[in-house]
Amino acid sequence: MKTRYLLVMALGAALLTLSACGEKPQAMGGNRHAVAPFEGAGDSPFVQSGWKAGDRNSWEQQLKARAQYGQNDYTRMGQ
C-alpha cells in the first residue's frame, strides 16, 4: 500500500513537472503598420512646439531637452 502511494505521488510529481513543457511560446507579433516614433502625430495640438514631424534630428533634440530640463530634478529645483 505504501509503495502504491509513493508511486502515485511520483507519477503526479512527474506529470506536474512535465506539464510546464507543453506551454506554447507567447512571442508578440508586433504591429506591422507601425511607423517610427519620429514620424509623429502630424498636426496634433499635443505636439511640442519646435518639433517637426518626420525629422529624426529634431525628435532626438526634443528628447534630450525633455530629459535634461523637464525630468531632471536637479535642474528643476531652482525653478
N, C-alpha and C. Protein backbone atom coordinates (compact mmCIF):
# COMPACT_ATOMS: atom_id res chain seq x y z
N MET A 1 0.83 -1.20 0.00
CA MET A 1 0.00 0.00 0.00
C MET A 1 0.87 1.26 0.00
N LYS A 2 1.91 1.22 0.81
CA LYS A 2 2.79 2.38 0.91
C LYS A 2 3.54 2.61 -0.41
N THR A 3 3.95 1.52 -1.07
CA THR A 3 4.66 1.66 -2.34
C THR A 3 3.73 2.20 -3.42
N ARG A 4 2.46 1.80 -3.38
CA ARG A 4 1.48 2.31 -4.36
C ARG A 4 1.29 3.81 -4.16
N TYR A 5 1.22 4.24 -2.92
CA TYR A 5 1.08 5.67 -2.61
C TYR A 5 2.29 6.45 -3.11
N LEU A 6 3.49 5.92 -2.89
CA LEU A 6 4.71 6.58 -3.36
C LEU A 6 4.76 6.62 -4.88
N LEU A 7 4.32 5.55 -5.52
CA LEU A 7 4.30 5.51 -6.98
C LEU A 7 3.33 6.55 -7.54
N VAL A 8 2.17 6.66 -6.95
CA VAL A 8 1.18 7.66 -7.40
C VAL A 8 1.71 9.07 -7.18
N MET A 9 2.35 9.29 -6.06
CA MET A 9 2.91 10.62 -5.78
C MET A 9 4.03 10.95 -6.77
N ALA A 10 4.88 9.96 -7.07
CA ALA A 10 5.98 10.18 -8.02
C ALA A 10 5.43 10.46 -9.41
N LEU A 11 4.43 9.73 -9.84
CA LEU A 11 3.81 9.97 -11.14
C LEU A 11 3.13 11.34 -11.18
N GLY A 12 2.49 11.71 -10.10
CA GLY A 12 1.86 13.03 -10.03
C GLY A 12 2.88 14.15 -10.12
N ALA A 13 3.99 13.97 -9.43
CA ALA A 13 5.06 14.98 -9.49
C ALA A 13 5.66 15.05 -10.88
N ALA A 14 5.83 13.89 -11.53
CA ALA A 14 6.37 13.88 -12.88
C ALA A 14 5.41 14.56 -13.86
N LEU A 15 4.13 14.29 -13.74
CA LEU A 15 3.15 14.94 -14.61
C LEU A 15 3.10 16.44 -14.38
N LEU A 16 3.17 16.83 -13.15
CA LEU A 16 3.16 18.25 -12.83
C LEU A 16 4.40 18.94 -13.40
N THR A 17 5.53 18.27 -13.31
CA THR A 17 6.78 18.84 -13.84
C THR A 17 6.74 18.92 -15.35
N LEU A 18 6.25 17.89 -16.00
CA LEU A 18 6.23 17.86 -17.46
C LEU A 18 5.13 18.75 -18.05
N SER A 19 4.15 19.12 -17.26
CA SER A 19 3.07 19.95 -17.79
C SER A 19 3.57 21.34 -18.18
N ALA A 20 4.64 21.80 -17.58
CA ALA A 20 5.20 23.10 -17.92
C ALA A 20 5.87 23.09 -19.28
N CYS A 21 6.25 21.92 -19.77
CA CYS A 21 6.92 21.83 -21.07
C CYS A 21 5.95 21.99 -22.23
N GLY A 22 4.68 21.90 -21.99
CA GLY A 22 3.70 21.96 -23.06
C GLY A 22 3.19 23.35 -23.37
N GLU A 23 3.69 24.37 -22.72
CA GLU A 23 3.20 25.71 -22.96
C GLU A 23 3.72 26.25 -24.29
N LYS A 24 2.84 26.86 -25.04
CA LYS A 24 3.22 27.41 -26.33
C LYS A 24 3.93 28.75 -26.13
N PRO A 25 4.88 29.09 -27.01
CA PRO A 25 5.56 30.39 -26.88
C PRO A 25 4.58 31.54 -27.08
N GLN A 26 4.78 32.60 -26.35
CA GLN A 26 3.88 33.75 -26.40
C GLN A 26 4.60 34.99 -26.91
N ALA A 27 5.29 34.84 -28.01
CA ALA A 27 6.03 35.96 -28.59
C ALA A 27 5.05 36.96 -29.20
N MET A 28 5.34 38.22 -29.02
CA MET A 28 4.46 39.25 -29.58
C MET A 28 4.80 39.46 -31.04
N GLY A 29 3.77 39.52 -31.85
CA GLY A 29 3.98 39.69 -33.28
C GLY A 29 4.31 41.12 -33.65
N GLY A 30 3.88 42.04 -32.86
CA GLY A 30 4.14 43.44 -33.15
C GLY A 30 3.15 43.99 -34.17
N ASN A 31 3.20 45.28 -34.34
CA ASN A 31 2.33 45.96 -35.28
C ASN A 31 3.13 46.20 -36.56
N ARG A 32 2.73 45.57 -37.62
CA ARG A 32 3.48 45.70 -38.87
C ARG A 32 3.28 47.05 -39.53
N HIS A 33 2.25 47.74 -39.13
CA HIS A 33 1.96 49.03 -39.76
C HIS A 33 2.46 50.20 -38.93
N ALA A 34 3.23 49.90 -37.91
CA ALA A 34 3.74 50.96 -37.05
C ALA A 34 4.81 51.77 -37.80
N VAL A 35 4.87 53.02 -37.47
CA VAL A 35 5.88 53.89 -38.06
C VAL A 35 6.88 54.27 -36.98
N ALA A 36 7.98 54.82 -37.39
CA ALA A 36 9.00 55.25 -36.44
C ALA A 36 8.43 56.35 -35.54
N PRO A 37 8.89 56.44 -34.29
CA PRO A 37 8.35 57.44 -33.37
C PRO A 37 8.52 58.86 -33.87
N PHE A 38 9.59 59.12 -34.59
CA PHE A 38 9.83 60.49 -35.03
C PHE A 38 8.95 60.89 -36.21
N GLU A 39 8.17 59.93 -36.75
CA GLU A 39 7.24 60.28 -37.83
C GLU A 39 6.08 61.10 -37.28
N GLY A 40 5.77 60.90 -36.02
CA GLY A 40 4.90 61.81 -35.31
C GLY A 40 3.41 61.68 -35.47
N ALA A 41 2.73 62.64 -34.87
CA ALA A 41 1.28 62.68 -34.82
C ALA A 41 0.72 63.71 -35.79
N GLY A 42 1.55 64.27 -36.61
CA GLY A 42 1.07 65.24 -37.59
C GLY A 42 0.74 66.57 -36.97
N ASP A 43 -0.50 67.01 -37.15
CA ASP A 43 -0.93 68.34 -36.68
C ASP A 43 -1.67 68.27 -35.36
N SER A 44 -1.26 67.40 -34.49
CA SER A 44 -1.91 67.25 -33.20
C SER A 44 -1.61 68.47 -32.33
N PRO A 45 -2.59 68.92 -31.53
CA PRO A 45 -2.33 70.06 -30.64
C PRO A 45 -1.42 69.69 -29.46
N PHE A 46 -1.14 68.41 -29.29
CA PHE A 46 -0.32 67.98 -28.17
C PHE A 46 1.15 67.84 -28.53
N VAL A 47 1.53 68.24 -29.71
CA VAL A 47 2.91 68.15 -30.17
C VAL A 47 3.70 69.33 -29.62
N GLN A 48 4.88 69.06 -29.13
CA GLN A 48 5.76 70.10 -28.59
C GLN A 48 6.12 71.09 -29.68
N SER A 49 6.08 72.37 -29.36
CA SER A 49 6.46 73.37 -30.35
C SER A 49 7.96 73.25 -30.64
N GLY A 50 8.32 73.46 -31.87
CA GLY A 50 9.72 73.33 -32.26
C GLY A 50 10.07 71.96 -32.80
N TRP A 51 9.12 71.03 -32.74
CA TRP A 51 9.38 69.69 -33.25
C TRP A 51 8.69 69.53 -34.59
N LYS A 52 9.43 69.01 -35.56
CA LYS A 52 8.89 68.81 -36.90
C LYS A 52 8.69 67.33 -37.14
N ALA A 53 7.49 66.93 -37.53
CA ALA A 53 7.20 65.51 -37.78
C ALA A 53 8.04 65.01 -38.94
N GLY A 54 8.63 63.82 -38.77
CA GLY A 54 9.45 63.21 -39.80
C GLY A 54 10.91 63.56 -39.72
N ASP A 55 11.28 64.49 -38.84
CA ASP A 55 12.68 64.91 -38.71
C ASP A 55 13.29 64.21 -37.50
N ARG A 56 14.13 63.23 -37.76
CA ARG A 56 14.71 62.43 -36.68
C ARG A 56 15.60 63.28 -35.77
N ASN A 57 16.38 64.17 -36.33
CA ASN A 57 17.26 65.00 -35.53
C ASN A 57 16.45 65.90 -34.58
N SER A 58 15.37 66.47 -35.08
CA SER A 58 14.51 67.29 -34.24
C SER A 58 13.89 66.46 -33.11
N TRP A 59 13.50 65.23 -33.42
CA TRP A 59 12.93 64.32 -32.42
C TRP A 59 13.95 64.05 -31.31
N GLU A 60 15.19 63.74 -31.70
CA GLU A 60 16.22 63.45 -30.71
C GLU A 60 16.55 64.67 -29.88
N GLN A 61 16.54 65.84 -30.47
CA GLN A 61 16.81 67.07 -29.71
C GLN A 61 15.72 67.33 -28.68
N GLN A 62 14.46 67.09 -29.05
CA GLN A 62 13.36 67.27 -28.11
C GLN A 62 13.46 66.28 -26.95
N LEU A 63 13.86 65.02 -27.24
CA LEU A 63 14.03 64.04 -26.17
C LEU A 63 15.16 64.44 -25.22
N LYS A 64 16.25 64.94 -25.77
CA LYS A 64 17.37 65.37 -24.93
C LYS A 64 16.96 66.55 -24.05
N ALA A 65 16.24 67.50 -24.63
CA ALA A 65 15.81 68.67 -23.87
C ALA A 65 14.85 68.26 -22.76
N ARG A 66 13.95 67.33 -23.06
CA ARG A 66 12.99 66.90 -22.04
C ARG A 66 13.71 66.16 -20.92
N ALA A 67 14.68 65.32 -21.27
CA ALA A 67 15.41 64.58 -20.25
C ALA A 67 16.28 65.51 -19.41
N GLN A 68 16.83 66.54 -20.01
CA GLN A 68 17.73 67.43 -19.28
C GLN A 68 16.99 68.42 -18.40
N TYR A 69 15.92 69.01 -18.90
CA TYR A 69 15.27 70.10 -18.18
C TYR A 69 13.92 69.72 -17.59
N GLY A 70 13.15 68.92 -18.30
CA GLY A 70 11.81 68.62 -17.83
C GLY A 70 11.73 67.52 -16.80
N GLN A 71 12.66 66.58 -16.85
CA GLN A 71 12.57 65.44 -15.95
C GLN A 71 13.76 65.34 -15.00
N ASN A 72 14.66 66.25 -15.07
CA ASN A 72 15.83 66.23 -14.20
C ASN A 72 15.52 67.08 -12.97
N ASP A 73 15.38 66.44 -11.82
CA ASP A 73 15.00 67.16 -10.61
C ASP A 73 16.06 68.15 -10.14
N TYR A 74 17.31 67.90 -10.48
CA TYR A 74 18.36 68.82 -10.06
C TYR A 74 18.25 70.15 -10.78
N THR A 75 17.83 70.15 -12.04
CA THR A 75 17.67 71.42 -12.76
C THR A 75 16.33 72.07 -12.40
N ARG A 76 15.36 71.31 -11.96
CA ARG A 76 14.05 71.87 -11.62
C ARG A 76 14.02 72.49 -10.23
N MET A 77 14.99 72.22 -9.39
CA MET A 77 14.98 72.73 -8.02
C MET A 77 15.07 74.25 -7.98
N GLY A 78 15.72 74.85 -8.95
CA GLY A 78 15.88 76.29 -8.93
C GLY A 78 14.65 77.02 -9.47
N GLN A 79 13.71 76.29 -10.03
CA GLN A 79 12.53 76.95 -10.63
C GLN A 79 11.51 77.29 -9.59
